[in-house]
Amino acid sequence: MPGMRIMMAGATGLVGGSFFNRAVADSGIGQIVLLGRRSVPELEAHGKVTSLVADFNKLDAVDPSCEVDAMVCALGTTLKKAGSRERLFEVDCLYTEAAAAYALRCGARTLVVISSVGASPTASSHYLRTKGEMEKRVTALGYPACHILRPSLLTGARGETRLGESLAARLLSPVSFLLPAAYRPVHADTLAETIHTLLKEPGEGVRVHGGKEIQVTGNRQ
């Protein structure tokens, strides 16, 4: 099958879903492998989409079953949905690391992963420490091109209600131009377009993209 071959984890999420729609419509992307814990028939209906269902806790023991050029990891949850700090760390850090490592064994040369503004292994917030630890682990995998996206508050039509984020978006959107670029709300479609652009122009090495760069890259035509 001609075109770029990509693997995705998190295709049912806000950003992952937006990027998936772009990837399906892009004739330059020939194959999309959805790596997940369950099958998603509505996404698999597209001709160039296949699914690989796996236990992320055991991915290191799974033999590579396909060849891909790039990995897009949009896994993420909330403390409320996860139920505990340990579970949030498992999904946002350990699952992301496992998915990225598996894609690398499938031949991926480029990794694009979603983190958060303020991510640091030494942050006071558990969520930001988790994202910081995730960044440290995926950069250690040795991808020739590794892009870490650090958006602030994400906006867009979610399939679930997040009261805190919804309220914050309503309060911040009217005055977002007053905020430093790194802390301005980012629409999921803008972030998805940034991912799309970076896959086409991956470059080399590890690069961290903050709010301003995400906004600029995502608005390219």
N, C-alpha and C. Protein backbone atom coordinates (compact mmCIF):
# COMPACT_ATOMS: atom_id res chain seq x y z
N MET A 1 0.85 -1.19 0.00
CA MET A 1 0.00 0.00 0.00
C MET A 1 0.89 1.24 0.00
N PRO A 2 0.73 2.15 -0.97
CA PRO A 2 1.59 3.33 -1.07
C PRO A 2 1.33 4.32 0.05
N GLY A 3 2.28 5.22 0.22
CA GLY A 3 2.10 6.28 1.20
C GLY A 3 2.70 5.96 2.55
N MET A 4 2.71 6.95 3.43
CA MET A 4 3.23 6.79 4.78
C MET A 4 2.39 5.81 5.58
N ARG A 5 3.07 5.02 6.41
CA ARG A 5 2.38 4.07 7.28
C ARG A 5 2.53 4.56 8.71
N ILE A 6 1.41 4.79 9.37
CA ILE A 6 1.46 5.30 10.73
C ILE A 6 0.74 4.37 11.70
N MET A 7 1.19 4.39 12.93
CA MET A 7 0.52 3.69 14.02
C MET A 7 -0.04 4.75 14.95
N MET A 8 -1.20 4.49 15.51
CA MET A 8 -1.84 5.43 16.42
C MET A 8 -2.26 4.74 17.70
N ALA A 9 -2.12 5.43 18.80
CA ALA A 9 -2.69 5.00 20.08
C ALA A 9 -3.48 6.17 20.62
N GLY A 10 -4.75 5.95 20.94
CA GLY A 10 -5.59 7.04 21.44
C GLY A 10 -6.46 7.67 20.37
N ALA A 11 -6.84 6.89 19.36
CA ALA A 11 -7.61 7.43 18.24
C ALA A 11 -9.04 7.80 18.60
N THR A 12 -9.53 7.34 19.75
CA THR A 12 -10.91 7.66 20.14
C THR A 12 -11.00 8.91 21.02
N GLY A 13 -9.87 9.51 21.34
CA GLY A 13 -9.86 10.69 22.18
C GLY A 13 -10.11 11.97 21.39
N LEU A 14 -10.12 13.10 22.07
CA LEU A 14 -10.41 14.38 21.45
C LEU A 14 -9.41 14.73 20.35
N VAL A 15 -8.13 14.74 20.67
CA VAL A 15 -7.11 15.07 19.68
C VAL A 15 -6.87 13.91 18.73
N GLY A 16 -6.83 12.70 19.27
CA GLY A 16 -6.61 11.52 18.43
C GLY A 16 -7.68 11.37 17.37
N GLY A 17 -8.92 11.63 17.74
CA GLY A 17 -10.01 11.52 16.78
C GLY A 17 -9.90 12.55 15.67
N SER A 18 -9.52 13.77 16.04
CA SER A 18 -9.36 14.83 15.04
C SER A 18 -8.22 14.50 14.09
N PHE A 19 -7.11 14.00 14.63
CA PHE A 19 -6.00 13.63 13.76
C PHE A 19 -6.38 12.44 12.88
N PHE A 20 -7.08 11.48 13.44
CA PHE A 20 -7.48 10.30 12.67
C PHE A 20 -8.26 10.72 11.43
N ASN A 21 -9.19 11.65 11.58
CA ASN A 21 -9.98 12.11 10.43
C ASN A 21 -9.09 12.73 9.36
N ARG A 22 -8.07 13.46 9.77
CA ARG A 22 -7.14 14.04 8.80
C ARG A 22 -6.32 12.96 8.11
N ALA A 23 -5.89 11.99 8.88
CA ALA A 23 -5.05 10.92 8.32
C ALA A 23 -5.82 10.08 7.31
N VAL A 24 -7.08 9.80 7.62
CA VAL A 24 -7.91 9.01 6.71
C VAL A 24 -8.10 9.74 5.38
N ALA A 25 -8.26 11.06 5.46
CA ALA A 25 -8.51 11.85 4.25
C ALA A 25 -7.25 12.18 3.46
N ASP A 26 -6.08 11.92 4.04
CA ASP A 26 -4.81 12.27 3.40
C ASP A 26 -4.35 11.13 2.48
N SER A 27 -4.30 11.39 1.20
CA SER A 27 -3.87 10.36 0.25
C SER A 27 -2.39 10.02 0.41
N GLY A 28 -1.65 10.90 1.10
CA GLY A 28 -0.23 10.63 1.33
C GLY A 28 0.01 9.65 2.47
N ILE A 29 -1.04 9.32 3.21
CA ILE A 29 -0.95 8.31 4.27
C ILE A 29 -1.66 7.05 3.76
N GLY A 30 -0.89 6.00 3.59
CA GLY A 30 -1.43 4.79 2.97
C GLY A 30 -1.96 3.76 3.93
N GLN A 31 -1.50 3.80 5.17
CA GLN A 31 -1.94 2.78 6.14
C GLN A 31 -1.97 3.38 7.54
N ILE A 32 -3.01 3.05 8.28
CA ILE A 32 -3.16 3.49 9.66
C ILE A 32 -3.40 2.25 10.51
N VAL A 33 -2.50 2.00 11.44
CA VAL A 33 -2.64 0.87 12.37
C VAL A 33 -3.07 1.43 13.72
N LEU A 34 -4.24 1.04 14.18
CA LEU A 34 -4.75 1.51 15.47
C LEU A 34 -4.32 0.53 16.55
N LEU A 35 -3.48 0.99 17.44
CA LEU A 35 -3.02 0.18 18.57
C LEU A 35 -3.89 0.52 19.77
N GLY A 36 -4.64 -0.46 20.25
CA GLY A 36 -5.54 -0.18 21.36
C GLY A 36 -5.86 -1.41 22.18
N ARG A 37 -6.61 -1.18 23.24
CA ARG A 37 -6.99 -2.28 24.14
C ARG A 37 -8.30 -2.93 23.72
N ARG A 38 -8.95 -2.34 22.74
CA ARG A 38 -10.19 -2.92 22.22
C ARG A 38 -10.36 -2.54 20.76
N SER A 39 -11.19 -3.28 20.07
CA SER A 39 -11.47 -3.00 18.68
C SER A 39 -12.46 -1.84 18.57
N VAL A 40 -12.32 -1.01 17.54
CA VAL A 40 -13.25 0.10 17.31
C VAL A 40 -13.78 -0.03 15.87
N PRO A 41 -14.87 -0.82 15.70
CA PRO A 41 -15.38 -1.13 14.35
C PRO A 41 -15.66 0.08 13.49
N GLU A 42 -16.17 1.18 14.08
CA GLU A 42 -16.52 2.35 13.27
C GLU A 42 -15.29 3.00 12.65
N LEU A 43 -14.13 2.87 13.29
CA LEU A 43 -12.90 3.41 12.72
C LEU A 43 -12.29 2.43 11.73
N GLU A 44 -12.46 1.16 11.98
CA GLU A 44 -11.89 0.13 11.12
C GLU A 44 -12.62 0.02 9.78
N ALA A 45 -13.75 0.70 9.65
CA ALA A 45 -14.53 0.64 8.41
C ALA A 45 -13.79 1.28 7.24
N HIS A 46 -12.83 2.15 7.55
CA HIS A 46 -12.05 2.79 6.49
C HIS A 46 -11.06 1.78 5.89
N GLY A 47 -10.94 1.80 4.58
CA GLY A 47 -10.15 0.80 3.88
C GLY A 47 -8.69 0.70 4.28
N LYS A 48 -8.07 1.81 4.66
CA LYS A 48 -6.64 1.75 4.97
C LYS A 48 -6.36 1.60 6.46
N VAL A 49 -7.40 1.29 7.23
CA VAL A 49 -7.26 1.17 8.67
C VAL A 49 -7.30 -0.29 9.11
N THR A 50 -6.35 -0.66 9.95
CA THR A 50 -6.35 -1.97 10.59
C THR A 50 -6.17 -1.77 12.08
N SER A 51 -6.57 -2.76 12.87
CA SER A 51 -6.45 -2.66 14.33
C SER A 51 -5.54 -3.73 14.89
N LEU A 52 -4.82 -3.34 15.91
CA LEU A 52 -4.01 -4.29 16.67
C LEU A 52 -4.45 -4.16 18.12
N VAL A 53 -5.18 -5.16 18.60
CA VAL A 53 -5.68 -5.15 19.97
C VAL A 53 -4.66 -5.84 20.87
N ALA A 54 -4.26 -5.17 21.94
CA ALA A 54 -3.22 -5.73 22.79
C ALA A 54 -3.37 -5.26 24.23
N ASP A 55 -2.80 -6.01 25.13
CA ASP A 55 -2.69 -5.63 26.54
C ASP A 55 -1.43 -4.77 26.66
N PHE A 56 -1.59 -3.50 26.97
CA PHE A 56 -0.45 -2.59 27.00
C PHE A 56 0.55 -2.97 28.08
N ASN A 57 0.11 -3.70 29.08
CA ASN A 57 1.03 -4.14 30.12
C ASN A 57 1.94 -5.26 29.65
N LYS A 58 1.60 -5.85 28.49
CA LYS A 58 2.38 -6.97 27.97
C LYS A 58 2.90 -6.72 26.57
N LEU A 59 2.89 -5.46 26.15
CA LEU A 59 3.31 -5.13 24.78
C LEU A 59 4.77 -5.49 24.50
N ASP A 60 5.59 -5.45 25.54
CA ASP A 60 7.00 -5.76 25.33
C ASP A 60 7.22 -7.21 24.92
N ALA A 61 6.20 -8.05 25.13
CA ALA A 61 6.32 -9.46 24.77
C ALA A 61 5.63 -9.77 23.43
N VAL A 62 5.03 -8.75 22.81
CA VAL A 62 4.32 -8.94 21.54
C VAL A 62 5.28 -8.73 20.38
N ASP A 63 5.37 -9.71 19.50
CA ASP A 63 6.24 -9.59 18.33
C ASP A 63 5.67 -8.55 17.37
N PRO A 64 6.52 -7.77 16.72
CA PRO A 64 6.05 -6.80 15.73
C PRO A 64 5.23 -7.50 14.65
N SER A 65 4.04 -7.00 14.39
CA SER A 65 3.16 -7.66 13.41
C SER A 65 2.93 -6.81 12.17
N CYS A 66 3.62 -5.66 12.08
CA CYS A 66 3.46 -4.78 10.93
C CYS A 66 4.69 -3.89 10.82
N GLU A 67 4.78 -3.16 9.72
CA GLU A 67 5.86 -2.20 9.52
C GLU A 67 5.25 -0.82 9.38
N VAL A 68 5.74 0.13 10.18
CA VAL A 68 5.22 1.50 10.11
C VAL A 68 6.37 2.49 10.04
N ASP A 69 6.04 3.70 9.64
CA ASP A 69 7.04 4.76 9.53
C ASP A 69 7.02 5.72 10.71
N ALA A 70 5.85 5.86 11.33
CA ALA A 70 5.72 6.85 12.41
C ALA A 70 4.69 6.40 13.43
N MET A 71 4.80 6.95 14.63
CA MET A 71 3.88 6.66 15.72
C MET A 71 3.30 7.95 16.26
N VAL A 72 1.97 7.99 16.41
CA VAL A 72 1.29 9.12 17.04
C VAL A 72 0.63 8.60 18.30
N CYS A 73 1.03 9.12 19.43
CA CYS A 73 0.49 8.65 20.70
C CYS A 73 -0.28 9.77 21.38
N ALA A 74 -1.61 9.58 21.44
CA ALA A 74 -2.50 10.57 22.03
C ALA A 74 -3.25 9.99 23.22
N LEU A 75 -2.59 9.09 23.94
CA LEU A 75 -3.21 8.49 25.12
C LEU A 75 -3.27 9.50 26.26
N GLY A 76 -4.33 9.43 27.02
CA GLY A 76 -4.44 10.32 28.17
C GLY A 76 -5.76 10.13 28.89
N THR A 77 -5.76 10.38 30.18
CA THR A 77 -6.97 10.25 30.96
C THR A 77 -6.99 11.35 32.03
N THR A 78 -7.98 11.30 32.89
CA THR A 78 -8.08 12.24 34.00
C THR A 78 -8.09 11.45 35.29
N LEU A 79 -7.80 12.12 36.40
CA LEU A 79 -7.81 11.44 37.69
C LEU A 79 -9.20 10.90 38.00
N LYS A 80 -10.23 11.67 37.66
CA LYS A 80 -11.60 11.22 37.91
C LYS A 80 -11.92 9.95 37.13
N LYS A 81 -11.55 9.93 35.86
CA LYS A 81 -11.83 8.77 35.03
C LYS A 81 -10.95 7.59 35.40
N ALA A 82 -9.69 7.87 35.72
CA ALA A 82 -8.76 6.79 36.07
C ALA A 82 -9.11 6.15 37.40
N GLY A 83 -9.57 6.96 38.35
CA GLY A 83 -9.96 6.43 39.65
C GLY A 83 -8.88 6.49 40.70
N SER A 84 -7.63 6.63 40.27
CA SER A 84 -6.53 6.72 41.23
C SER A 84 -5.32 7.32 40.55
N ARG A 85 -4.39 7.83 41.37
CA ARG A 85 -3.15 8.38 40.82
C ARG A 85 -2.33 7.30 40.13
N GLU A 86 -2.36 6.11 40.72
CA GLU A 86 -1.59 5.00 40.15
C GLU A 86 -2.10 4.63 38.76
N ARG A 87 -3.41 4.62 38.61
CA ARG A 87 -4.00 4.27 37.32
C ARG A 87 -3.72 5.36 36.29
N LEU A 88 -3.78 6.61 36.70
CA LEU A 88 -3.47 7.70 35.77
C LEU A 88 -2.03 7.59 35.30
N PHE A 89 -1.11 7.29 36.20
CA PHE A 89 0.29 7.12 35.83
C PHE A 89 0.44 5.96 34.85
N GLU A 90 -0.30 4.89 35.08
CA GLU A 90 -0.22 3.72 34.21
C GLU A 90 -0.63 4.08 32.78
N VAL A 91 -1.74 4.79 32.63
CA VAL A 91 -2.24 5.12 31.30
C VAL A 91 -1.38 6.19 30.63
N ASP A 92 -1.18 7.30 31.32
CA ASP A 92 -0.51 8.45 30.70
C ASP A 92 0.99 8.26 30.52
N CYS A 93 1.60 7.49 31.38
CA CYS A 93 3.06 7.30 31.29
C CYS A 93 3.43 5.90 30.78
N LEU A 94 3.05 4.87 31.52
CA LEU A 94 3.49 3.52 31.18
C LEU A 94 2.91 3.02 29.86
N TYR A 95 1.63 3.28 29.61
CA TYR A 95 1.03 2.84 28.35
C TYR A 95 1.62 3.60 27.17
N THR A 96 1.86 4.89 27.37
CA THR A 96 2.46 5.69 26.30
C THR A 96 3.86 5.19 25.98
N GLU A 97 4.63 4.92 27.01
CA GLU A 97 5.98 4.38 26.81
C GLU A 97 5.93 3.04 26.09
N ALA A 98 5.03 2.16 26.52
CA ALA A 98 4.92 0.83 25.92
C ALA A 98 4.51 0.91 24.45
N ALA A 99 3.55 1.79 24.14
CA ALA A 99 3.10 1.95 22.76
C ALA A 99 4.21 2.49 21.87
N ALA A 100 4.94 3.49 22.37
CA ALA A 100 6.03 4.08 21.60
C ALA A 100 7.15 3.06 21.38
N ALA A 101 7.45 2.27 22.38
CA ALA A 101 8.50 1.24 22.27
C ALA A 101 8.09 0.17 21.25
N TYR A 102 6.82 -0.20 21.27
CA TYR A 102 6.35 -1.22 20.33
C TYR A 102 6.43 -0.70 18.89
N ALA A 103 6.00 0.54 18.67
CA ALA A 103 6.04 1.12 17.33
C ALA A 103 7.48 1.19 16.82
N LEU A 104 8.41 1.49 17.72
CA LEU A 104 9.82 1.55 17.34
C LEU A 104 10.28 0.19 16.84
N ARG A 105 9.83 -0.87 17.50
CA ARG A 105 10.19 -2.22 17.06
C ARG A 105 9.51 -2.60 15.74
N CYS A 106 8.45 -1.86 15.40
CA CYS A 106 7.78 -2.07 14.11
C CYS A 106 8.39 -1.21 13.01
N GLY A 107 9.47 -0.51 13.33
CA GLY A 107 10.18 0.26 12.32
C GLY A 107 9.95 1.75 12.33
N ALA A 108 9.11 2.26 13.23
CA ALA A 108 8.82 3.69 13.26
C ALA A 108 10.09 4.51 13.49
N ARG A 109 10.22 5.59 12.74
CA ARG A 109 11.37 6.47 12.87
C ARG A 109 11.01 7.81 13.49
N THR A 110 9.69 8.11 13.49
CA THR A 110 9.21 9.38 14.03
C THR A 110 8.17 9.12 15.10
N LEU A 111 8.26 9.83 16.19
CA LEU A 111 7.29 9.74 17.28
C LEU A 111 6.73 11.13 17.56
N VAL A 112 5.40 11.21 17.63
CA VAL A 112 4.74 12.44 18.06
C VAL A 112 3.87 12.07 19.25
N VAL A 113 4.10 12.74 20.38
CA VAL A 113 3.39 12.40 21.61
C VAL A 113 2.86 13.67 22.27
N ILE A 114 1.68 13.55 22.88
CA ILE A 114 1.06 14.71 23.52
C ILE A 114 1.36 14.72 25.01
N SER A 115 1.92 15.81 25.48
CA SER A 115 2.23 15.99 26.89
C SER A 115 1.39 17.16 27.40
N SER A 116 1.96 18.03 28.19
CA SER A 116 1.22 19.17 28.73
C SER A 116 2.18 20.30 29.09
N VAL A 117 1.70 21.52 28.97
CA VAL A 117 2.48 22.65 29.44
C VAL A 117 2.78 22.44 30.92
N GLY A 118 4.01 22.70 31.32
CA GLY A 118 4.40 22.53 32.71
C GLY A 118 4.88 21.15 33.08
N ALA A 119 4.91 20.23 32.12
CA ALA A 119 5.34 18.87 32.42
C ALA A 119 6.78 18.83 32.92
N SER A 120 6.99 18.10 34.02
CA SER A 120 8.32 17.97 34.59
C SER A 120 8.31 16.84 35.62
N PRO A 121 9.35 16.02 35.64
CA PRO A 121 9.42 14.95 36.65
C PRO A 121 9.45 15.48 38.08
N THR A 122 9.74 16.77 38.23
CA THR A 122 9.83 17.35 39.58
C THR A 122 8.68 18.33 39.87
N ALA A 123 7.66 18.36 39.03
CA ALA A 123 6.53 19.27 39.23
C ALA A 123 5.78 18.92 40.52
N SER A 124 5.13 19.89 41.10
CA SER A 124 4.36 19.64 42.33
C SER A 124 3.06 18.88 42.04
N SER A 125 2.53 19.05 40.85
CA SER A 125 1.30 18.37 40.44
C SER A 125 1.58 16.93 40.01
N HIS A 126 0.79 16.00 40.49
CA HIS A 126 0.96 14.59 40.09
C HIS A 126 0.80 14.44 38.59
N TYR A 127 -0.18 15.12 38.02
CA TYR A 127 -0.43 15.03 36.58
C TYR A 127 0.78 15.50 35.79
N LEU A 128 1.35 16.64 36.17
CA LEU A 128 2.49 17.18 35.44
C LEU A 128 3.75 16.35 35.68
N ARG A 129 3.88 15.77 36.87
CA ARG A 129 5.00 14.84 37.11
C ARG A 129 4.87 13.62 36.22
N THR A 130 3.64 13.12 36.08
CA THR A 130 3.39 11.96 35.23
C THR A 130 3.79 12.25 33.79
N LYS A 131 3.36 13.42 33.30
CA LYS A 131 3.71 13.79 31.93
C LYS A 131 5.22 13.99 31.78
N GLY A 132 5.84 14.57 32.79
CA GLY A 132 7.28 14.76 32.75
C GLY A 132 8.04 13.46 32.72
N GLU A 133 7.59 12.50 33.52
CA GLU A 133 8.22 11.18 33.52
C GLU A 133 8.01 10.48 32.18
N MET A 134 6.82 10.64 31.61
CA MET A 134 6.54 10.07 30.29
C MET A 134 7.50 10.63 29.25
N GLU A 135 7.70 11.95 29.27
CA GLU A 135 8.61 12.57 28.31
C GLU A 135 10.02 11.99 28.45
N LYS A 136 10.47 11.85 29.68
CA LYS A 136 11.81 11.32 29.92
C LYS A 136 11.95 9.91 29.36
N ARG A 137 10.92 9.11 29.55
CA ARG A 137 10.98 7.71 29.11
C ARG A 137 10.93 7.58 27.59
N VAL A 138 10.06 8.34 26.94
CA VAL A 138 9.95 8.17 25.49
C VAL A 138 11.16 8.76 24.76
N THR A 139 11.75 9.83 25.30
CA THR A 139 12.93 10.37 24.65
C THR A 139 14.11 9.41 24.79
N ALA A 140 14.10 8.59 25.84
CA ALA A 140 15.17 7.62 26.05
C ALA A 140 15.08 6.43 25.10
N LEU A 141 13.98 6.29 24.39
CA LEU A 141 13.79 5.14 23.49
C LEU A 141 14.70 5.23 22.26
N GLY A 142 15.11 6.42 21.89
CA GLY A 142 16.05 6.57 20.78
C GLY A 142 15.43 6.77 19.41
N TYR A 143 14.24 7.36 19.34
CA TYR A 143 13.65 7.67 18.03
C TYR A 143 14.53 8.68 17.30
N PRO A 144 14.76 8.48 16.00
CA PRO A 144 15.51 9.48 15.22
C PRO A 144 14.86 10.86 15.26
N ALA A 145 13.51 10.88 15.28
CA ALA A 145 12.78 12.15 15.38
C ALA A 145 11.70 11.97 16.44
N CYS A 146 11.75 12.79 17.48
CA CYS A 146 10.79 12.69 18.59
C CYS A 146 10.22 14.08 18.85
N HIS A 147 8.90 14.22 18.67
CA HIS A 147 8.23 15.50 18.88
C HIS A 147 7.30 15.41 20.09
N ILE A 148 7.54 16.26 21.06
CA ILE A 148 6.72 16.32 22.27
C ILE A 148 5.90 17.60 22.23
N LEU A 149 4.58 17.46 22.23
CA LEU A 149 3.70 18.61 22.17
C LEU A 149 3.21 18.94 23.58
N ARG A 150 3.36 20.21 23.95
CA ARG A 150 2.95 20.65 25.29
C ARG A 150 1.86 21.72 25.21
N PRO A 151 0.63 21.31 24.90
CA PRO A 151 -0.46 22.29 24.87
C PRO A 151 -0.91 22.66 26.27
N SER A 152 -1.60 23.77 26.36
CA SER A 152 -2.27 24.15 27.61
C SER A 152 -3.65 23.51 27.58
N LEU A 153 -4.65 24.19 28.07
CA LEU A 153 -6.02 23.67 28.11
C LEU A 153 -6.51 23.35 26.70
N LEU A 154 -7.02 22.15 26.51
CA LEU A 154 -7.53 21.73 25.20
C LEU A 154 -9.02 22.02 25.10
N THR A 155 -9.42 22.57 23.98
CA THR A 155 -10.84 22.84 23.75
C THR A 155 -11.32 22.04 22.54
N GLY A 156 -12.61 21.83 22.47
CA GLY A 156 -13.19 21.06 21.38
C GLY A 156 -14.38 20.26 21.88
N ALA A 157 -15.07 19.60 20.97
CA ALA A 157 -16.27 18.83 21.33
C ALA A 157 -15.89 17.45 21.82
N ARG A 158 -15.93 17.26 23.12
CA ARG A 158 -15.59 15.97 23.72
C ARG A 158 -16.82 15.06 23.75
N GLY A 159 -16.55 13.76 23.80
CA GLY A 159 -17.62 12.79 23.95
C GLY A 159 -18.01 12.62 25.40
N GLU A 160 -17.26 13.28 26.30
CA GLU A 160 -17.53 13.21 27.73
C GLU A 160 -17.51 14.62 28.29
N THR A 161 -18.14 14.80 29.42
CA THR A 161 -18.18 16.12 30.05
C THR A 161 -17.10 16.24 31.11
N ARG A 162 -16.28 17.28 30.99
CA ARG A 162 -15.26 17.58 31.99
C ARG A 162 -15.57 18.97 32.51
N LEU A 163 -16.32 19.03 33.61
CA LEU A 163 -16.83 20.30 34.12
C LEU A 163 -15.74 21.32 34.36
N GLY A 164 -14.66 20.90 35.00
CA GLY A 164 -13.57 21.82 35.31
C GLY A 164 -12.97 22.43 34.06
N GLU A 165 -12.69 21.60 33.06
CA GLU A 165 -12.09 22.08 31.83
C GLU A 165 -13.06 22.97 31.06
N SER A 166 -14.33 22.59 31.07
CA SER A 166 -15.34 23.37 30.36
C SER A 166 -15.45 24.77 30.97
N LEU A 167 -15.47 24.84 32.30
CA LEU A 167 -15.56 26.13 32.98
C LEU A 167 -14.32 26.97 32.71
N ALA A 168 -13.16 26.32 32.78
CA ALA A 168 -11.90 27.05 32.55
C ALA A 168 -11.85 27.61 31.13
N ALA A 169 -12.32 26.81 30.17
CA ALA A 169 -12.31 27.27 28.78
C ALA A 169 -13.21 28.48 28.59
N ARG A 170 -14.37 28.48 29.24
CA ARG A 170 -15.30 29.61 29.12
C ARG A 170 -14.71 30.87 29.74
N LEU A 171 -13.98 30.70 30.84
CA LEU A 171 -13.41 31.86 31.51
C LEU A 171 -12.18 32.42 30.78
N LEU A 172 -11.38 31.49 30.21
CA LEU A 172 -10.12 31.92 29.61
C LEU A 172 -10.24 32.36 28.16
N SER A 173 -11.15 31.77 27.41
CA SER A 173 -11.23 32.07 25.97
C SER A 173 -11.35 33.55 25.66
N PRO A 174 -12.21 34.31 26.35
CA PRO A 174 -12.33 35.74 26.01
C PRO A 174 -11.08 36.56 26.29
N VAL A 175 -10.23 36.07 27.18
CA VAL A 175 -9.03 36.86 27.54
C VAL A 175 -7.75 36.11 27.18
N SER A 176 -7.86 35.10 26.33
CA SER A 176 -6.70 34.26 26.02
C SER A 176 -5.57 35.06 25.39
N PHE A 177 -5.92 36.14 24.66
CA PHE A 177 -4.88 36.96 24.02
C PHE A 177 -4.00 37.67 25.04
N LEU A 178 -4.45 37.76 26.28
CA LEU A 178 -3.66 38.40 27.33
C LEU A 178 -2.68 37.43 27.99
N LEU A 179 -2.88 36.15 27.76
CA LEU A 179 -2.04 35.14 28.40
C LEU A 179 -0.77 34.91 27.60
N PRO A 180 0.31 34.46 28.27
CA PRO A 180 1.50 34.04 27.53
C PRO A 180 1.11 32.92 26.56
N ALA A 181 1.76 32.86 25.41
CA ALA A 181 1.39 31.90 24.37
C ALA A 181 1.32 30.47 24.88
N ALA A 182 2.22 30.11 25.79
CA ALA A 182 2.27 28.73 26.28
C ALA A 182 1.02 28.33 27.05
N TYR A 183 0.29 29.31 27.58
CA TYR A 183 -0.85 29.02 28.45
C TYR A 183 -2.20 29.32 27.80
N ARG A 184 -2.19 29.66 26.54
CA ARG A 184 -3.46 29.93 25.86
C ARG A 184 -4.17 28.62 25.51
N PRO A 185 -5.49 28.57 25.65
CA PRO A 185 -6.23 27.35 25.25
C PRO A 185 -5.94 27.01 23.80
N VAL A 186 -5.85 25.71 23.52
CA VAL A 186 -5.56 25.21 22.17
C VAL A 186 -6.71 24.33 21.73
N HIS A 187 -7.25 24.60 20.55
CA HIS A 187 -8.32 23.75 20.03
C HIS A 187 -7.73 22.43 19.56
N ALA A 188 -8.47 21.35 19.79
CA ALA A 188 -8.00 20.01 19.42
C ALA A 188 -7.66 19.92 17.94
N ASP A 189 -8.41 20.61 17.09
CA ASP A 189 -8.15 20.56 15.66
C ASP A 189 -6.81 21.21 15.31
N THR A 190 -6.45 22.25 16.04
CA THR A 190 -5.16 22.90 15.82
C THR A 190 -4.02 21.96 16.20
N LEU A 191 -4.19 21.27 17.32
CA LEU A 191 -3.16 20.33 17.75
C LEU A 191 -3.05 19.17 16.77
N ALA A 192 -4.19 18.69 16.28
CA ALA A 192 -4.19 17.59 15.32
C ALA A 192 -3.50 18.00 14.02
N GLU A 193 -3.73 19.23 13.59
CA GLU A 193 -3.08 19.71 12.37
C GLU A 193 -1.58 19.85 12.57
N THR A 194 -1.17 20.22 13.78
CA THR A 194 0.25 20.29 14.10
C THR A 194 0.89 18.91 13.98
N ILE A 195 0.23 17.90 14.52
CA ILE A 195 0.73 16.53 14.41
C ILE A 195 0.88 16.14 12.95
N HIS A 196 -0.13 16.45 12.16
CA HIS A 196 -0.13 16.12 10.74
C HIS A 196 1.07 16.75 10.04
N THR A 197 1.34 18.02 10.34
CA THR A 197 2.45 18.73 9.73
C THR A 197 3.79 18.15 10.15
N LEU A 198 3.92 17.82 11.42
CA LEU A 198 5.19 17.29 11.92
C LEU A 198 5.51 15.92 11.32
N LEU A 199 4.50 15.13 11.02
CA LEU A 199 4.75 13.84 10.38
C LEU A 199 5.32 14.01 8.98
N LYS A 200 4.87 15.08 8.32
CA LYS A 200 5.35 15.33 6.96
C LYS A 200 6.72 15.99 6.95
N GLU A 201 7.05 16.69 8.05
CA GLU A 201 8.34 17.39 8.16
C GLU A 201 8.98 17.04 9.50
N PRO A 202 9.36 15.78 9.69
CA PRO A 202 9.80 15.33 11.02
C PRO A 202 11.14 15.87 11.49
N GLY A 203 12.05 16.14 10.57
CA GLY A 203 13.37 16.59 11.00
C GLY A 203 14.10 15.49 11.77
N GLU A 204 15.00 15.90 12.67
CA GLU A 204 15.76 14.94 13.45
C GLU A 204 15.88 15.42 14.89
N GLY A 205 16.09 14.45 15.79
CA GLY A 205 16.32 14.77 17.19
C GLY A 205 15.03 14.95 17.97
N VAL A 206 15.20 15.35 19.24
CA VAL A 206 14.07 15.57 20.14
C VAL A 206 13.70 17.05 20.11
N ARG A 207 12.42 17.33 19.88
CA ARG A 207 11.95 18.71 19.87
C ARG A 207 10.70 18.83 20.73
N VAL A 208 10.66 19.86 21.54
CA VAL A 208 9.51 20.15 22.40
C VAL A 208 8.79 21.36 21.83
N HIS A 209 7.49 21.20 21.60
CA HIS A 209 6.70 22.26 20.98
C HIS A 209 5.71 22.83 21.99
N GLY A 210 5.86 24.12 22.30
CA GLY A 210 4.96 24.78 23.23
C GLY A 210 3.78 25.42 22.52
N GLY A 211 3.00 26.18 23.29
CA GLY A 211 1.76 26.75 22.78
C GLY A 211 1.90 27.58 21.52
N LYS A 212 2.84 28.52 21.49
CA LYS A 212 2.98 29.40 20.34
C LYS A 212 3.33 28.61 19.09
N GLU A 213 4.27 27.67 19.21
CA GLU A 213 4.67 26.89 18.05
C GLU A 213 3.54 25.99 17.57
N ILE A 214 2.74 25.45 18.51
CA ILE A 214 1.59 24.63 18.14
C ILE A 214 0.59 25.45 17.35
N GLN A 215 0.32 26.67 17.82
CA GLN A 215 -0.65 27.52 17.15
C GLN A 215 -0.19 27.88 15.74
N VAL A 216 1.09 28.23 15.62
CA VAL A 216 1.63 28.62 14.32
C VAL A 216 1.65 27.45 13.36
N THR A 217 2.19 26.31 13.81
CA THR A 217 2.28 25.12 12.96
C THR A 217 0.90 24.63 12.57
N GLY A 218 -0.02 24.64 13.53
CA GLY A 218 -1.36 24.15 13.27
C GLY A 218 -2.16 25.01 12.32
N ASN A 219 -1.76 26.26 12.13
CA ASN A 219 -2.48 27.15 11.23
C ASN A 219 -1.88 27.22 9.85
N ARG A 220 -0.85 26.41 9.60
CA ARG A 220 -0.27 26.37 8.25
C ARG A 220 -1.29 25.79 7.28
N GLN A 221 -1.27 26.28 6.08
CA GLN A 221 -2.18 25.79 5.05
C GLN A 221 -1.37 25.08 3.97
